[in-house]
C-alpha atoms as a PDB file:
ATOM      1  CA  UNK A   1     204.610 157.474  56.914  1.00  0.00           C
ATOM      2  CA  UNK A   2     201.159 158.935  55.684  1.00  0.00           C
ATOM      3  CA  UNK A   3     199.147 156.458  57.548  1.00  0.00           C
ATOM      4  CA  UNK A   4     200.472 157.396  60.921  1.00  0.00           C
ATOM      5  CA  UNK A   5     200.151 161.258  60.003  1.00  0.00           C
ATOM      6  CA  UNK A   6     196.766 160.426  59.334  1.00  0.00           C
ATOM      7  CA  UNK A   7     195.685 158.615  62.567  1.00  0.00           C
ATOM      8  CA  UNK A   8     197.514 161.456  64.541  1.00  0.00           C
ATOM      9  CA  UNK A   9     194.911 163.849  62.865  1.00  0.00           C
ATOM     10  CA  UNK A  10     192.091 161.925  63.838  1.00  0.00           C
ATOM     11  CA  UNK A  11     193.327 161.213  67.341  1.00  0.00           C
ATOM     12  CA  UNK A  12     194.220 164.797  67.615  1.00  0.00           C
ATOM     13  CA  UNK A  13     190.933 165.897  66.153  1.00  0.00           C
ATOM     14  CA  UNK A  14     189.191 163.879  68.757  1.00  0.00           C
ATOM     15  CA  UNK A  15     191.150 164.691  71.860  1.00  0.00           C
ATOM     16  CA  UNK A  16     190.347 168.525  70.694  1.00  0.00           C
ATOM     17  CA  UNK A  17     186.536 167.394  70.308  1.00  0.00           C
ATOM     18  CA  UNK A  18     186.840 165.986  74.300  1.00  0.00           C
ATOM     19  CA  UNK A  19     188.734 169.192  75.811  1.00  0.00           C
ATOM     20  CA  UNK A  20     186.552 171.608  74.261  1.00  0.00           C
ATOM     21  CA  UNK A  21     183.362 169.656  75.920  1.00  0.00           C
ATOM     22  CA  UNK A  22     185.180 169.620  79.208  1.00  0.00           C
ATOM     23  CA  UNK A  23     186.385 173.275  79.113  1.00  0.00           C
ATOM     24  CA  UNK A  24     183.451 175.263  77.787  1.00  0.00           C
ATOM     25  CA  UNK A  25     181.516 173.620  79.955  1.00  0.00           C
ATOM     26  CA  UNK A  26     183.630 174.390  82.990  1.00  0.00           C
ATOM     27  CA  UNK A  27     183.953 177.788  81.911  1.00  0.00           C
ATOM     28  CA  UNK A  28     180.505 178.263  81.260  1.00  0.00           C
ATOM     29  CA  UNK A  29     179.431 177.264  84.655  1.00  0.00           C
ATOM     30  CA  UNK A  30     182.118 179.370  86.172  1.00  0.00           C
ATOM     31  CA  UNK A  31     180.722 182.433  84.267  1.00  0.00           C
ATOM     32  CA  UNK A  32     177.181 181.762  84.889  1.00  0.00           C
ATOM     33  CA  UNK A  33     177.174 181.275  88.614  1.00  0.00           C
ATOM     34  CA  UNK A  34     179.463 184.634  88.763  1.00  0.00           C
ATOM     35  CA  UNK A  35     177.063 186.234  86.552  1.00  0.00           C
ATOM     36  CA  UNK A  36     174.317 185.036  88.769  1.00  0.00           C
ATOM     37  CA  UNK A  37     175.847 186.419  91.910  1.00  0.00           C
ATOM     38  CA  UNK A  38     175.943 189.898  90.340  1.00  0.00           C
ATOM     39  CA  UNK A  39     172.453 189.649  89.010  1.00  0.00           C
ATOM     40  CA  UNK A  40     171.329 188.717  92.601  1.00  0.00           C
ATOM     41  CA  UNK A  41     173.230 192.068  94.237  1.00  0.00           C
ATOM     42  CA  UNK A  42     171.773 194.330  91.139  1.00  0.00           C
ATOM     43  CA  UNK A  43     168.496 192.999  91.772  1.00  0.00           C
ATOM     44  CA  UNK A  44     168.775 193.718  95.555  1.00  0.00           C
ATOM     45  CA  UNK A  45     169.805 197.128  94.635  1.00  0.00           C
ATOM     46  CA  UNK A  46     166.615 197.523  92.430  1.00  0.00           C
ATOM     47  CA  UNK A  47     164.435 196.906  95.220  1.00  0.00           C
ATOM     48  CA  UNK A  48     166.094 198.742  97.656  1.00  0.00           C
ATOM     49  CA  UNK A  49     163.909 201.098  99.382  1.00  0.00           C
ATOM     50  CA  UNK A  50     167.353 202.968 100.652  1.00  0.00           C
ATOM     51  CA  UNK A  51     167.831 204.183  97.081  1.00  0.00           C
ATOM     52  CA  UNK A  52     165.941 206.684  95.171  1.00  0.00           C
ATOM     53  CA  UNK A  53     163.840 205.856  92.265  1.00  0.00           C
ATOM     54  CA  UNK A  54     166.257 206.708  89.547  1.00  0.00           C
ATOM     55  CA  UNK A  55     169.178 204.735  91.218  1.00  0.00           C
ATOM     56  CA  UNK A  56     166.571 201.848  91.605  1.00  0.00           C
ATOM     57  CA  UNK A  57     165.583 201.963  87.943  1.00  0.00           C
ATOM     58  CA  UNK A  58     169.431 202.026  86.860  1.00  0.00           C
ATOM     59  CA  UNK A  59     170.030 198.988  88.984  1.00  0.00           C
ATOM     60  CA  UNK A  60     166.979 197.279  87.525  1.00  0.00           C
ATOM     61  CA  UNK A  61     168.727 197.843  83.764  1.00  0.00           C
ATOM     62  CA  UNK A  62     171.842 196.286  85.369  1.00  0.00           C
ATOM     63  CA  UNK A  63     170.047 193.378  86.565  1.00  0.00           C
ATOM     64  CA  UNK A  64     167.883 192.757  83.298  1.00  0.00           C
ATOM     65  CA  UNK A  65     170.977 193.229  81.124  1.00  0.00           C
ATOM     66  CA  UNK A  66     172.771 190.727  83.160  1.00  0.00           C
ATOM     67  CA  UNK A  67     169.695 188.453  82.959  1.00  0.00           C
ATOM     68  CA  UNK A  68     170.101 188.724  79.162  1.00  0.00           C
ATOM     69  CA  UNK A  69     173.978 187.719  78.994  1.00  0.00           C
ATOM     70  CA  UNK A  70     173.061 184.991  81.378  1.00  0.00           C
ATOM     71  CA  UNK A  71     170.695 183.684  78.720  1.00  0.00           C
ATOM     72  CA  UNK A  72     172.843 184.364  75.745  1.00  0.00           C
ATOM     73  CA  UNK A  73     175.723 182.612  77.264  1.00  0.00           C
ATOM     74  CA  UNK A  74     173.350 179.342  77.802  1.00  0.00           C
ATOM     75  CA  UNK A  75     172.220 179.418  74.062  1.00  0.00           C
ATOM     76  CA  UNK A  76     174.585 181.564  71.744  1.00  0.00           C
ATOM     77  CA  UNK A  77     177.471 179.047  72.489  1.00  0.00           C
ATOM     78  CA  UNK A  78     176.049 175.767  70.771  1.00  0.00           C
ATOM     79  CA  UNK A  79     177.908 172.770  71.245  1.00  0.00           C
ATOM     80  CA  UNK A  80     176.129 170.975  68.804  1.00  0.00           C
ATOM     81  CA  UNK A  81     177.270 173.395  65.959  1.00  0.00           C
ATOM     82  CA  UNK A  82     180.959 173.287  67.290  1.00  0.00           C
ATOM     83  CA  UNK A  83     180.512 169.397  67.158  1.00  0.00           C
ATOM     84  CA  UNK A  84     178.801 169.241  63.781  1.00  0.00           C
ATOM     85  CA  UNK A  85     182.085 171.234  62.556  1.00  0.00           C
ATOM     86  CA  UNK A  86     184.375 168.568  64.177  1.00  0.00           C
ATOM     87  CA  UNK A  87     182.425 165.765  61.995  1.00  0.00           C
ATOM     88  CA  UNK A  88     183.032 168.060  59.153  1.00  0.00           C
ATOM     89  CA  UNK A  89     186.470 168.063  59.452  1.00  0.00           C
ATOM     90  CA  UNK A  90     186.739 164.636  60.101  1.00  0.00           C
ATOM     91  CA  UNK A  91     184.738 163.950  56.863  1.00  0.00           C
ATOM     92  CA  UNK A  92     187.138 166.398  55.122  1.00  0.00           C
ATOM     93  CA  UNK A  93     190.186 164.648  56.648  1.00  0.00           C
ATOM     94  CA  UNK A  94     189.044 161.384  55.731  1.00  0.00           C
ATOM     95  CA  UNK A  95     188.079 162.563  52.173  1.00  0.00           C
ATOM     96  CA  UNK A  96     191.889 163.587  51.854  1.00  0.00           C
ATOM     97  CA  UNK A  97     193.016 160.171  53.026  1.00  0.00           C
ATOM     98  CA  UNK A  98     191.121 158.646  50.249  1.00  0.00           C
ATOM     99  CA  UNK A  99     191.985 161.212  47.748  1.00  0.00           C
ATOM    100  CA  UNK A 100     195.482 160.822  48.424  1.00  0.00           C
ATOM    101  CA  UNK A 101     195.298 157.127  48.085  1.00  0.00           C
ATOM    102  CA  UNK A 102     193.608 157.177  44.838  1.00  0.00           C
ATOM    103  CA  UNK A 103     196.529 159.631  43.477  1.00  0.00           C
ATOM    104  CA  UNK A 104     199.496 157.321  44.629  1.00  0.00           C
ATOM    105  CA  UNK A 105     197.109 154.204  43.081  1.00  0.00           C
ATOM    106  CA  UNK A 106     196.566 156.490  39.455  1.00  0.00           C
ATOM    107  CA  UNK A 107     200.293 157.282  39.585  1.00  0.00           C
ATOM    108  CA  UNK A 108     201.547 153.654  39.975  1.00  0.00           C
ATOM    109  CA  UNK A 109     198.717 152.686  37.586  1.00  0.00           C
ATOM    110  CA  UNK A 110     199.928 155.017  35.189  1.00  0.00           C
ATOM    111  CA  UNK A 111     203.414 154.056  35.640  1.00  0.00           C
ATOM    112  CA  UNK A 112     202.308 150.546  34.705  1.00  0.00           C
ATOM    113  CA  UNK A 113     200.555 151.575  31.573  1.00  0.00           C
ATOM    114  CA  UNK A 114     203.234 153.611  30.351  1.00  0.00           C
ATOM    115  CA  UNK A 115     205.679 150.678  30.735  1.00  0.00           C
ATOM    116  CA  UNK A 116     203.254 148.238  28.859  1.00  0.00           C
ATOM    117  CA  UNK A 117     202.320 150.845  26.373  1.00  0.00           C
ATOM    118  CA  UNK A 118     205.714 151.449  25.245  1.00  0.00           C
ATOM    119  CA  UNK A 119     207.075 150.824  21.791  1.00  0.00           C
ATOM    120  CA  UNK A 120     205.852 147.393  20.538  1.00  0.00           C
END
């Protein structure tokens, strides 16, 4: 029964890794696309001669902030860091499985020793 649970843990971990990679890429692409559209609109307003200088400056600040947001979105969310965390989790699961096996072996070994070390 424990073997099946351990296998399920590893499978779900791998599924989570795949889903995460696909979902985050899709979400990131959509966000960046929309932010780029907003950036283009803000930049157009910043360059517009129909607006007063103070208004154009405000739009330039908006465009700059959008550009910073795009930059942080592309760099801040590091898939490798998440992937490393998943690998650490996988290692911890493997270690837990190994320790559970060792504990069972010791328990069965201790029982054997106790039976053999009984009164002579």
